[in-house]
Protein backbone atom coordinates (compact mmCIF):
# COMPACT_ATOMS: atom_id res chain seq x y z
CA MET A 1 31.50 179.96 278.00
CA ARG A 2 34.77 178.72 279.47
CA GLU A 3 35.29 175.03 279.86
CA HIS A 4 36.39 173.82 283.30
CA GLN A 5 40.09 172.96 283.29
CA PRO A 6 41.19 170.27 285.75
CA ASP A 7 44.16 171.16 287.89
CA PRO A 8 47.53 169.61 286.94
CA ALA A 9 47.47 167.11 289.80
CA HIS A 10 44.17 165.60 288.66
CA ARG A 11 45.46 165.49 285.09
CA ILE A 12 48.36 163.37 286.36
CA VAL A 13 45.89 160.96 287.98
CA ALA A 14 43.92 160.77 284.73
CA LEU A 15 47.13 160.04 282.82
CA VAL A 16 48.01 157.25 285.27
CA LEU A 17 44.61 155.62 284.76
CA GLN A 18 44.58 156.10 280.99
CA GLY A 19 48.19 154.93 280.69
CA GLY A 20 47.46 151.76 282.65
CA PHE A 21 44.47 151.04 280.45
CA VAL A 22 46.36 151.63 277.19
CA ILE A 23 49.54 149.77 278.20
CA GLY A 24 47.62 146.82 279.68
CA GLY A 25 45.38 146.59 276.62
CA CYS A 26 48.32 146.77 274.21
CA LEU A 27 50.14 144.00 276.07
CA LEU A 28 47.05 141.80 276.05
CA ALA A 29 46.62 142.38 272.31
CA LEU A 30 50.32 141.70 271.71
CA GLY A 31 50.08 138.44 273.67
CA VAL A 32 47.11 137.31 271.59
CA VAL A 33 48.91 138.19 268.35
CA LEU A 34 52.05 136.35 269.49
CA GLY A 35 49.93 133.31 270.29
CA LEU A 36 48.30 133.42 266.86
CA VAL A 37 51.58 133.94 265.01
CA THR A 38 53.36 131.11 266.82
CA GLY A 39 50.33 128.83 266.60
CA ASP A 40 50.49 128.25 270.35
CA ALA A 41 46.94 128.26 271.67
CA SER A 42 47.92 127.02 275.12
CA ALA A 43 46.82 129.06 278.11
CA PRO A 44 48.61 127.65 281.12
CA ALA A 45 47.86 128.98 284.58
CA LEU A 46 50.73 131.23 285.58
CA ARG A 47 51.96 132.77 288.81
CA LEU A 48 53.99 135.95 289.01
CA GLY A 49 57.17 133.91 289.48
CA ASP A 50 56.56 132.24 286.11
CA LEU A 51 57.11 135.53 284.29
CA LEU A 52 60.88 135.10 284.44
CA ARG A 53 60.92 131.40 283.54
CA ASP A 54 61.27 130.27 279.97
CA SER A 55 58.99 127.30 280.65
CA ALA A 56 55.88 129.46 280.16
CA PRO A 57 55.02 130.49 276.58
CA LEU A 58 56.06 134.05 275.72
CA HIS A 59 52.53 135.05 274.69
CA SER A 60 51.17 133.92 278.06
CA ARG A 61 53.82 135.88 279.94
CA VAL A 62 53.09 139.03 277.91
CA GLU A 63 49.35 138.62 278.53
CA MET A 64 49.97 138.12 282.24
CA VAL A 65 51.91 141.40 282.44
CA GLY A 66 48.97 143.11 280.71
CA VAL A 67 46.52 141.63 283.21
CA ALA A 68 48.80 142.62 286.10
CA ILE A 69 48.88 146.19 284.82
CA PHE A 70 45.08 146.21 284.54
CA ALA A 71 44.80 144.83 288.06
CA THR A 72 47.20 147.32 289.64
CA THR A 73 46.11 150.44 287.74
CA PRO A 74 43.20 151.29 290.10
CA ALA A 75 45.47 151.00 293.15
CA VAL A 76 48.11 153.20 291.50
CA GLY A 77 45.35 155.69 290.65
CA VAL A 78 44.23 155.75 294.28
CA LEU A 79 47.85 156.25 295.38
CA ALA A 80 48.15 159.19 292.98
CA LEU A 81 44.92 160.67 294.37
CA LEU A 82 46.21 160.11 297.89
CA ALA A 83 49.30 162.16 297.02
CA VAL A 84 47.11 164.93 295.57
CA TRP A 85 44.91 164.99 298.65
CA LEU A 86 47.92 164.87 300.98
CA LYS A 87 49.34 167.94 299.26
CA GLY A 88 45.95 169.68 299.54
CA ARG A 89 45.52 168.51 303.16
CA ASP A 90 42.12 167.00 302.39
CA TRP A 91 42.01 164.65 305.36
CA ARG A 92 38.55 163.23 304.67
CA ALA A 93 39.41 162.27 301.10
CA MET A 94 42.73 160.82 302.29
CA GLY A 95 40.87 158.65 304.80
CA ILE A 96 38.62 157.35 302.05
CA ALA A 97 41.63 156.66 299.78
CA ILE A 98 43.43 154.79 302.57
CA THR A 99 40.28 152.74 303.21
CA VAL A 100 40.06 151.87 299.51
CA LEU A 101 43.74 150.82 299.48
CA ILE A 102 43.19 148.62 302.53
CA ILE A 103 40.20 146.95 300.85
CA LEU A 104 42.14 146.43 297.60
CA SER A 105 45.11 145.01 299.52
CA ALA A 106 42.88 142.68 301.55
CA GLY A 107 41.27 141.45 298.33
CA MET A 108 44.66 140.70 296.81
CA ILE A 109 45.92 138.94 299.94
CA LEU A 110 42.76 136.93 300.62
CA GLY A 111 42.19 136.16 296.92
CA HIS A 112 45.15 133.78 296.78
CA GLY A 113 43.13 130.92 298.29
């Protein structure tokens, strides 16, 4: 019996999602290790602008990048699917993907309160 092979476009989407998971997880683990090695157990609240400032501990900045990658991976996955569905002219699926992106964007914008 032949196993179903996903088309190349869907494999790209899977790689985007898996890559985001692996890279985000590795950065979080690296941040924890850096914190343990340096003996710095502080966990200050950071904003994206703090990533470039030396005032925040390095381990916290590395962890924040990992969290940011985790947070943006689903949206990037939806964008990749949107491109696949645009190429295939699947208008219904594109409408759903656009709706999901609007909801994710609204959550990010409204979640800053």
